[in-house]
Amino acid sequence: MADTKVDEMSFEQAMAELEQVVGQLERGDVPLDDSIKLYERGAELKKRCETKLKEAEEKVAQITLGSDGQATGTTPVEGL
């Protein structure tokens, strides 16, 4: 497991590590205690990926389009 704090990871970093965690768990060659730690880390990574995706979706939703269909800017997201 990496020592990087999950809440400091980019989406790509979290997804890459999550794939590694899933691979290790699927192989089943990890002792039970380590499997539990891997599962917990995987849950944190999954949550981070979901958070980053939601942030991206909110940004995309705020893109404003001009009459020609081209992006003209963004509007502030309420609450951020």
PDB file of N, CA and C in Angstrom:
ATOM      1  N   MET A   1       0.841  -1.181   0.000  1.00  0.00           N
ATOM      2  CA  MET A   1       0.000   0.000   0.000  1.00  0.00           C
ATOM      3  C   MET A   1       0.881   1.237   0.000  1.00  0.00           C
ATOM      4  N   ALA A   2       0.420   2.222  -0.690  1.00  0.00           N
ATOM      5  CA  ALA A   2       1.161   3.481  -0.749  1.00  0.00           C
ATOM      6  C   ALA A   2       0.940   4.269   0.537  1.00  0.00           C
ATOM      7  N   ASP A   3       1.913   5.135   0.820  1.00  0.00           N
ATOM      8  CA  ASP A   3       1.804   5.963   2.019  1.00  0.00           C
ATOM      9  C   ASP A   3       1.134   7.297   1.741  1.00  0.00           C
ATOM     10  N   THR A   4       0.821   7.578   0.473  1.00  0.00           N
ATOM     11  CA  THR A   4       0.204   8.837   0.101  1.00  0.00           C
ATOM     12  C   THR A   4      -1.184   8.930   0.727  1.00  0.00           C
ATOM     13  N   LYS A   5      -1.489  10.124   1.282  1.00  0.00           N
ATOM     14  CA  LYS A   5      -2.818  10.338   1.842  1.00  0.00           C
ATOM     15  C   LYS A   5      -3.831  10.350   0.702  1.00  0.00           C
ATOM     16  N   VAL A   6      -4.898   9.620   0.873  1.00  0.00           N
ATOM     17  CA  VAL A   6      -5.918   9.498  -0.168  1.00  0.00           C
ATOM     18  C   VAL A   6      -6.502  10.855  -0.526  1.00  0.00           C
ATOM     19  N   ASP A   7      -6.732  11.712   0.459  1.00  0.00           N
ATOM     20  CA  ASP A   7      -7.361  13.002   0.181  1.00  0.00           C
ATOM     21  C   ASP A   7      -6.437  13.978  -0.548  1.00  0.00           C
ATOM     22  N   GLU A   8      -5.193  13.590  -0.770  1.00  0.00           N
ATOM     23  CA  GLU A   8      -4.256  14.415  -1.533  1.00  0.00           C
ATOM     24  C   GLU A   8      -4.032  13.874  -2.952  1.00  0.00           C
ATOM     25  N   MET A   9      -4.674  12.762  -3.264  1.00  0.00           N
ATOM     26  CA  MET A   9      -4.461  12.113  -4.558  1.00  0.00           C
ATOM     27  C   MET A   9      -5.324  12.730  -5.650  1.00  0.00           C
ATOM     28  N   SER A  10      -4.787  12.705  -6.856  1.00  0.00           N
ATOM     29  CA  SER A  10      -5.597  13.063  -8.017  1.00  0.00           C
ATOM     30  C   SER A  10      -6.509  11.879  -8.327  1.00  0.00           C
ATOM     31  N   PHE A  11      -7.467  12.109  -9.201  1.00  0.00           N
ATOM     32  CA  PHE A  11      -8.355  11.027  -9.603  1.00  0.00           C
ATOM     33  C   PHE A  11      -7.545   9.869 -10.185  1.00  0.00           C
ATOM     34  N   GLU A  12      -6.590  10.205 -11.055  1.00  0.00           N
ATOM     35  CA  GLU A  12      -5.799   9.179 -11.739  1.00  0.00           C
ATOM     36  C   GLU A  12      -4.958   8.361 -10.757  1.00  0.00           C
ATOM     37  N   GLN A  13      -4.380   9.030  -9.767  1.00  0.00           N
ATOM     38  CA  GLN A  13      -3.586   8.319  -8.765  1.00  0.00           C
ATOM     39  C   GLN A  13      -4.472   7.372  -7.950  1.00  0.00           C
ATOM     40  N   ALA A  14      -5.614   7.875  -7.527  1.00  0.00           N
ATOM     41  CA  ALA A  14      -6.521   7.062  -6.716  1.00  0.00           C
ATOM     42  C   ALA A  14      -7.046   5.877  -7.514  1.00  0.00           C
ATOM     43  N   MET A  15      -7.373   6.098  -8.774  1.00  0.00           N
ATOM     44  CA  MET A  15      -7.892   5.007  -9.607  1.00  0.00           C
ATOM     45  C   MET A  15      -6.823   3.937  -9.835  1.00  0.00           C
ATOM     46  N   ALA A  16      -5.588   4.368 -10.097  1.00  0.00           N
ATOM     47  CA  ALA A  16      -4.502   3.410 -10.334  1.00  0.00           C
ATOM     48  C   ALA A  16      -4.260   2.549  -9.090  1.00  0.00           C
ATOM     49  N   GLU A  17      -4.241   3.186  -7.923  1.00  0.00           N
ATOM     50  CA  GLU A  17      -4.027   2.406  -6.710  1.00  0.00           C
ATOM     51  C   GLU A  17      -5.224   1.511  -6.420  1.00  0.00           C
ATOM     52  N   LEU A  18      -6.421   2.005  -6.677  1.00  0.00           N
ATOM     53  CA  LEU A  18      -7.619   1.187  -6.467  1.00  0.00           C
ATOM     54  C   LEU A  18      -7.566  -0.066  -7.334  1.00  0.00           C
ATOM     55  N   GLU A  19      -7.117   0.061  -8.563  1.00  0.00           N
ATOM     56  CA  GLU A  19      -6.982  -1.103  -9.449  1.00  0.00           C
ATOM     57  C   GLU A  19      -5.980  -2.103  -8.876  1.00  0.00           C
ATOM     58  N   GLN A  20      -4.894  -1.609  -8.292  1.00  0.00           N
ATOM     59  CA  GLN A  20      -3.907  -2.498  -7.677  1.00  0.00           C
ATOM     60  C   GLN A  20      -4.503  -3.222  -6.472  1.00  0.00           C
ATOM     61  N   VAL A  21      -5.236  -2.490  -5.656  1.00  0.00           N
ATOM     62  CA  VAL A  21      -5.868  -3.075  -4.468  1.00  0.00           C
ATOM     63  C   VAL A  21      -6.846  -4.170  -4.886  1.00  0.00           C
ATOM     64  N   VAL A  22      -7.677  -3.873  -5.865  1.00  0.00           N
ATOM     65  CA  VAL A  22      -8.658  -4.861  -6.334  1.00  0.00           C
ATOM     66  C   VAL A  22      -7.937  -6.103  -6.862  1.00  0.00           C
ATOM     67  N   GLY A  23      -6.869  -5.888  -7.614  1.00  0.00           N
ATOM     68  CA  GLY A  23      -6.102  -7.021  -8.146  1.00  0.00           C
ATOM     69  C   GLY A  23      -5.551  -7.906  -7.045  1.00  0.00           C
ATOM     70  N   GLN A  24      -4.997  -7.293  -6.009  1.00  0.00           N
ATOM     71  CA  GLN A  24      -4.468  -8.066  -4.891  1.00  0.00           C
ATOM     72  C   GLN A  24      -5.572  -8.847  -4.185  1.00  0.00           C
ATOM     73  N   LEU A  25      -6.698  -8.195  -3.972  1.00  0.00           N
ATOM     74  CA  LEU A  25      -7.802  -8.879  -3.290  1.00  0.00           C
ATOM     75  C   LEU A  25      -8.369 -10.012  -4.140  1.00  0.00           C
ATOM     76  N   GLU A  26      -8.441  -9.804  -5.443  1.00  0.00           N
ATOM     77  CA  GLU A  26      -8.974 -10.848  -6.324  1.00  0.00           C
ATOM     78  C   GLU A  26      -8.070 -12.072  -6.369  1.00  0.00           C
ATOM     79  N   ARG A  27      -6.754 -11.856  -6.296  1.00  0.00           N
ATOM     80  CA  ARG A  27      -5.823 -12.992  -6.321  1.00  0.00           C
ATOM     81  C   ARG A  27      -5.987 -13.859  -5.085  1.00  0.00           C
ATOM     82  N   GLY A  28      -6.333 -13.234  -3.972  1.00  0.00           N
ATOM     83  CA  GLY A  28      -6.574 -13.988  -2.747  1.00  0.00           C
ATOM     84  C   GLY A  28      -5.325 -14.513  -2.073  1.00  0.00           C
ATOM     85  N   ASP A  29      -4.171 -13.982  -2.431  1.00  0.00           N
ATOM     86  CA  ASP A  29      -2.927 -14.473  -1.839  1.00  0.00           C
ATOM     87  C   ASP A  29      -2.414 -13.568  -0.718  1.00  0.00           C
ATOM     88  N   VAL A  30      -3.311 -12.770  -0.152  1.00  0.00           N
ATOM     89  CA  VAL A  30      -2.955 -11.830   0.908  1.00  0.00           C
ATOM     90  C   VAL A  30      -3.538 -12.357   2.219  1.00  0.00           C
ATOM     91  N   PRO A  31      -2.743 -12.338   3.299  1.00  0.00           N
ATOM     92  CA  PRO A  31      -3.264 -12.771   4.601  1.00  0.00           C
ATOM     93  C   PRO A  31      -4.505 -11.964   5.004  1.00  0.00           C
ATOM     94  N   LEU A  32      -5.328 -12.548   5.836  1.00  0.00           N
ATOM     95  CA  LEU A  32      -6.606 -11.942   6.222  1.00  0.00           C
ATOM     96  C   LEU A  32      -6.445 -10.531   6.772  1.00  0.00           C
ATOM     97  N   ASP A  33      -5.531 -10.320   7.703  1.00  0.00           N
ATOM     98  CA  ASP A  33      -5.353  -8.985   8.283  1.00  0.00           C
ATOM     99  C   ASP A  33      -4.984  -7.966   7.214  1.00  0.00           C
ATOM    100  N   ASP A  34      -4.110  -8.350   6.293  1.00  0.00           N
ATOM    101  CA  ASP A  34      -3.717  -7.458   5.207  1.00  0.00           C
ATOM    102  C   ASP A  34      -4.882  -7.229   4.242  1.00  0.00           C
ATOM    103  N   SER A  35      -5.691  -8.250   4.048  1.00  0.00           N
ATOM    104  CA  SER A  35      -6.867  -8.109   3.183  1.00  0.00           C
ATOM    105  C   SER A  35      -7.833  -7.073   3.738  1.00  0.00           C
ATOM    106  N   ILE A  36      -7.994  -7.079   5.040  1.00  0.00           N
ATOM    107  CA  ILE A  36      -8.884  -6.109   5.685  1.00  0.00           C
ATOM    108  C   ILE A  36      -8.342  -4.696   5.481  1.00  0.00           C
ATOM    109  N   LYS A  37      -7.037  -4.524   5.671  1.00  0.00           N
ATOM    110  CA  LYS A  37      -6.419  -3.212   5.467  1.00  0.00           C
ATOM    111  C   LYS A  37      -6.545  -2.778   4.009  1.00  0.00           C
ATOM    112  N   LEU A  38      -6.342  -3.719   3.091  1.00  0.00           N
ATOM    113  CA  LEU A  38      -6.484  -3.408   1.669  1.00  0.00           C
ATOM    114  C   LEU A  38      -7.914  -2.995   1.348  1.00  0.00           C
ATOM    115  N   TYR A  39      -8.886  -3.704   1.899  1.00  0.00           N
ATOM    116  CA  TYR A  39     -10.284  -3.385   1.660  1.00  0.00           C
ATOM    117  C   TYR A  39     -10.611  -1.978   2.163  1.00  0.00           C
ATOM    118  N   GLU A  40     -10.117  -1.654   3.367  1.00  0.00           N
ATOM    119  CA  GLU A  40     -10.360  -0.320   3.921  1.00  0.00           C
ATOM    120  C   GLU A  40      -9.721   0.758   3.047  1.00  0.00           C
ATOM    121  N   ARG A  41      -8.493   0.512   2.578  1.00  0.00           N
ATOM    122  CA  ARG A  41      -7.812   1.466   1.698  1.00  0.00           C
ATOM    123  C   ARG A  41      -8.602   1.587   0.389  1.00  0.00           C
ATOM    124  N   GLY A  42      -9.065   0.478  -0.122  1.00  0.00           N
ATOM    125  CA  GLY A  42      -9.853   0.495  -1.347  1.00  0.00           C
ATOM    126  C   GLY A  42     -11.129   1.309  -1.201  1.00  0.00           C
ATOM    127  N   ALA A  43     -11.767   1.192  -0.056  1.00  0.00           N
ATOM    128  CA  ALA A  43     -12.993   1.963   0.191  1.00  0.00           C
ATOM    129  C   ALA A  43     -12.691   3.459   0.200  1.00  0.00           C
ATOM    130  N   GLU A  44     -11.557   3.843   0.807  1.00  0.00           N
ATOM    131  CA  GLU A  44     -11.164   5.252   0.818  1.00  0.00           C
ATOM    132  C   GLU A  44     -10.861   5.739  -0.603  1.00  0.00           C
ATOM    133  N   LEU A  45     -10.159   4.911  -1.364  1.00  0.00           N
ATOM    134  CA  LEU A  45      -9.815   5.273  -2.741  1.00  0.00           C
ATOM    135  C   LEU A  45     -11.065   5.421  -3.602  1.00  0.00           C
ATOM    136  N   LYS A  46     -12.015   4.516  -3.425  1.00  0.00           N
ATOM    137  CA  LYS A  46     -13.271   4.584  -4.177  1.00  0.00           C
ATOM    138  C   LYS A  46     -14.004   5.887  -3.856  1.00  0.00           C
ATOM    139  N   LYS A  47     -14.051   6.238  -2.592  1.00  0.00           N
ATOM    140  CA  LYS A  47     -14.717   7.474  -2.190  1.00  0.00           C
ATOM    141  C   LYS A  47     -14.020   8.683  -2.807  1.00  0.00           C
ATOM    142  N   ARG A  48     -12.685   8.671  -2.840  1.00  0.00           N
ATOM    143  CA  ARG A  48     -11.929   9.777  -3.436  1.00  0.00           C
ATOM    144  C   ARG A  48     -12.247   9.900  -4.921  1.00  0.00           C
ATOM    145  N   CYS A  49     -12.284   8.778  -5.617  1.00  0.00           N
ATOM    146  CA  CYS A  49     -12.609   8.801  -7.051  1.00  0.00           C
ATOM    147  C   CYS A  49     -14.015   9.365  -7.272  1.00  0.00           C
ATOM    148  N   GLU A  50     -14.963   8.938  -6.462  1.00  0.00           N
ATOM    149  CA  GLU A  50     -16.330   9.446  -6.586  1.00  0.00           C
ATOM    150  C   GLU A  50     -16.387  10.947  -6.344  1.00  0.00           C
ATOM    151  N   THR A  51     -15.653  11.421  -5.348  1.00  0.00           N
ATOM    152  CA  THR A  51     -15.620  12.851  -5.035  1.00  0.00           C
ATOM    153  C   THR A  51     -15.049  13.643  -6.202  1.00  0.00           C
ATOM    154  N   LYS A  52     -13.913  13.181  -6.740  1.00  0.00           N
ATOM    155  CA  LYS A  52     -13.275  13.890  -7.856  1.00  0.00           C
ATOM    156  C   LYS A  52     -14.168  13.885  -9.093  1.00  0.00           C
ATOM    157  N   LEU A  53     -14.859  12.777  -9.347  1.00  0.00           N
ATOM    158  CA  LEU A  53     -15.778  12.723 -10.487  1.00  0.00           C
ATOM    159  C   LEU A  53     -16.938  13.695 -10.299  1.00  0.00           C
ATOM    160  N   LYS A  54     -17.457  13.763  -9.081  1.00  0.00           N
ATOM    161  CA  LYS A  54     -18.566  14.686  -8.812  1.00  0.00           C
ATOM    162  C   LYS A  54     -18.119  16.127  -9.020  1.00  0.00           C
ATOM    163  N   GLU A  55     -16.913  16.458  -8.559  1.00  0.00           N
ATOM    164  CA  GLU A  55     -16.383  17.805  -8.755  1.00  0.00           C
ATOM    165  C   GLU A  55     -16.283  18.130 -10.247  1.00  0.00           C
ATOM    166  N   ALA A  56     -15.798  17.179 -11.024  1.00  0.00           N
ATOM    167  CA  ALA A  56     -15.667  17.388 -12.468  1.00  0.00           C
ATOM    168  C   ALA A  56     -17.036  17.560 -13.116  1.00  0.00           C
ATOM    169  N   GLU A  57     -18.001  16.745 -12.714  1.00  0.00           N
ATOM    170  CA  GLU A  57     -19.351  16.853 -13.268  1.00  0.00           C
ATOM    171  C   GLU A  57     -19.956  18.216 -12.964  1.00  0.00           C
ATOM    172  N   GLU A  58     -19.725  18.714 -11.755  1.00  0.00           N
ATOM    173  CA  GLU A  58     -20.257  20.019 -11.378  1.00  0.00           C
ATOM    174  C   GLU A  58     -19.622  21.127 -12.207  1.00  0.00           C
ATOM    175  N   LYS A  59     -18.333  21.019 -12.463  1.00  0.00           N
ATOM    176  CA  LYS A  59     -17.653  22.014 -13.292  1.00  0.00           C
ATOM    177  C   LYS A  59     -18.192  21.986 -14.720  1.00  0.00           C
ATOM    178  N   VAL A  60     -18.373  20.800 -15.259  1.00  0.00           N
ATOM    179  CA  VAL A  60     -18.899  20.669 -16.620  1.00  0.00           C
ATOM    180  C   VAL A  60     -20.315  21.225 -16.694  1.00  0.00           C
ATOM    181  N   ALA A  61     -21.106  20.975 -15.665  1.00  0.00           N
ATOM    182  CA  ALA A  61     -22.484  21.457 -15.647  1.00  0.00           C
ATOM    183  C   ALA A  61     -22.555  22.975 -15.632  1.00  0.00           C
ATOM    184  N   GLN A  62     -21.498  23.621 -15.189  1.00  0.00           N
ATOM    185  CA  GLN A  62     -21.507  25.070 -15.078  1.00  0.00           C
ATOM    186  C   GLN A  62     -20.959  25.783 -16.316  1.00  0.00           C
ATOM    187  N   ILE A  63     -20.510  25.029 -17.289  1.00  0.00           N
ATOM    188  CA  ILE A  63     -20.000  25.656 -18.508  1.00  0.00           C
ATOM    189  C   ILE A  63     -21.172  26.288 -19.249  1.00  0.00           C
ATOM    190  N   THR A  64     -21.009  27.557 -19.601  1.00  0.00           N
ATOM    191  CA  THR A  64     -22.068  28.247 -20.337  1.00  0.00           C
ATOM    192  C   THR A  64     -21.730  28.245 -21.815  1.00  0.00           C
ATOM    193  N   LEU A  65     -22.756  28.151 -22.621  1.00  0.00           N
ATOM    194  CA  LEU A  65     -22.589  28.123 -24.067  1.00  0.00           C
ATOM    195  C   LEU A  65     -23.147  29.390 -24.688  1.00  0.00           C
ATOM    196  N   GLY A  66     -22.444  29.856 -25.717  1.00  0.00           N
ATOM    197  CA  GLY A  66     -22.926  31.001 -26.464  1.00  0.00           C
ATOM    198  C   GLY A  66     -23.972  30.562 -27.480  1.00  0.00           C
ATOM    199  N   SER A  67     -24.523  31.511 -28.230  1.00  0.00           N
ATOM    200  CA  SER A  67     -25.555  31.195 -29.220  1.00  0.00           C
ATOM    201  C   SER A  67     -25.032  30.288 -30.327  1.00  0.00           C
ATOM    202  N   ASP A  68     -23.716  30.292 -30.518  1.00  0.00           N
ATOM    203  CA  ASP A  68     -23.134  29.423 -31.539  1.00  0.00           C
ATOM    204  C   ASP A  68     -22.791  28.037 -31.000  1.00  0.00           C
ATOM    205  N   GLY A  69     -23.104  27.776 -29.740  1.00  0.00           N
ATOM    206  CA  GLY A  69     -22.850  26.466 -29.147  1.00  0.00           C
ATOM    207  C   GLY A  69     -21.452  26.310 -28.594  1.00  0.00           C
ATOM    208  N   GLN A  70     -20.643  27.347 -28.659  1.00  0.00           N
ATOM    209  CA  GLN A  70     -19.274  27.294 -28.138  1.00  0.00           C
ATOM    210  C   GLN A  70     -19.252  27.730 -26.671  1.00  0.00           C
ATOM    211  N   ALA A  71     -18.349  27.139 -25.911  1.00  0.00           N
ATOM    212  CA  ALA A  71     -18.208  27.504 -24.506  1.00  0.00           C
ATOM    213  C   ALA A  71     -17.757  28.953 -24.397  1.00  0.00           C
ATOM    214  N   THR A  72     -18.458  29.729 -23.571  1.00  0.00           N
ATOM    215  CA  THR A  72     -18.110  31.131 -23.397  1.00  0.00           C
ATOM    216  C   THR A  72     -17.551  31.411 -22.017  1.00  0.00           C
ATOM    217  N   GLY A  73     -17.642  30.490 -21.130  1.00  0.00           N
ATOM    218  CA  GLY A  73     -17.147  30.695 -19.765  1.00  0.00           C
ATOM    219  C   GLY A  73     -17.871  29.782 -18.813  1.00  0.00           C
ATOM    220  N   THR A  74     -17.700  30.054 -17.557  1.00  0.00           N
ATOM    221  CA  THR A  74     -18.367  29.249 -16.549  1.00  0.00           C
ATOM    222  C   THR A  74     -19.112  30.156 -15.590  1.00  0.00           C
ATOM    223  N   THR A  75     -20.097  29.598 -14.954  1.00  0.00           N
ATOM    224  CA  THR A  75     -20.818  30.324 -13.921  1.00  0.00           C
ATOM    225  C   THR A  75     -20.393  29.735 -12.593  1.00  0.00           C
ATOM    226  N   PRO A  76     -20.338  30.514 -11.548  1.00  0.00           N
ATOM    227  CA  PRO A  76     -19.918  29.986 -10.237  1.00  0.00           C
ATOM    228  C   PRO A  76     -20.855  28.899  -9.761  1.00  0.00           C
ATOM    229  N   VAL A  77     -20.277  27.903  -9.128  1.00  0.00           N
ATOM    230  CA  VAL A  77     -21.079  26.837  -8.526  1.00  0.00           C
ATOM    231  C   VAL A  77     -21.458  27.303  -7.126  1.00  0.00           C
ATOM    232  N   GLU A  78     -22.752  27.276  -6.835  1.00  0.00           N
ATOM    233  CA  GLU A  78     -23.219  27.711  -5.515  1.00  0.00           C
ATOM    234  C   GLU A  78     -22.674  26.794  -4.439  1.00  0.00           C
ATOM    235  N   GLY A  79     -22.243  27.376  -3.353  1.00  0.00           N
ATOM    236  CA  GLY A  79     -21.789  26.584  -2.218  1.00  0.00           C
ATOM    237  C   GLY A  79     -20.325  26.211  -2.254  1.00  0.00           C
ATOM    238  N   LEU A  80     -19.627  26.566  -3.325  1.00  0.00           N
ATOM    239  CA  LEU A  80     -18.193  26.235  -3.370  1.00  0.00           C
ATOM    240  C   LEU A  80     -17.356  27.429  -3.077  1.00  0.00           C
TER     241      LEU A  80
END
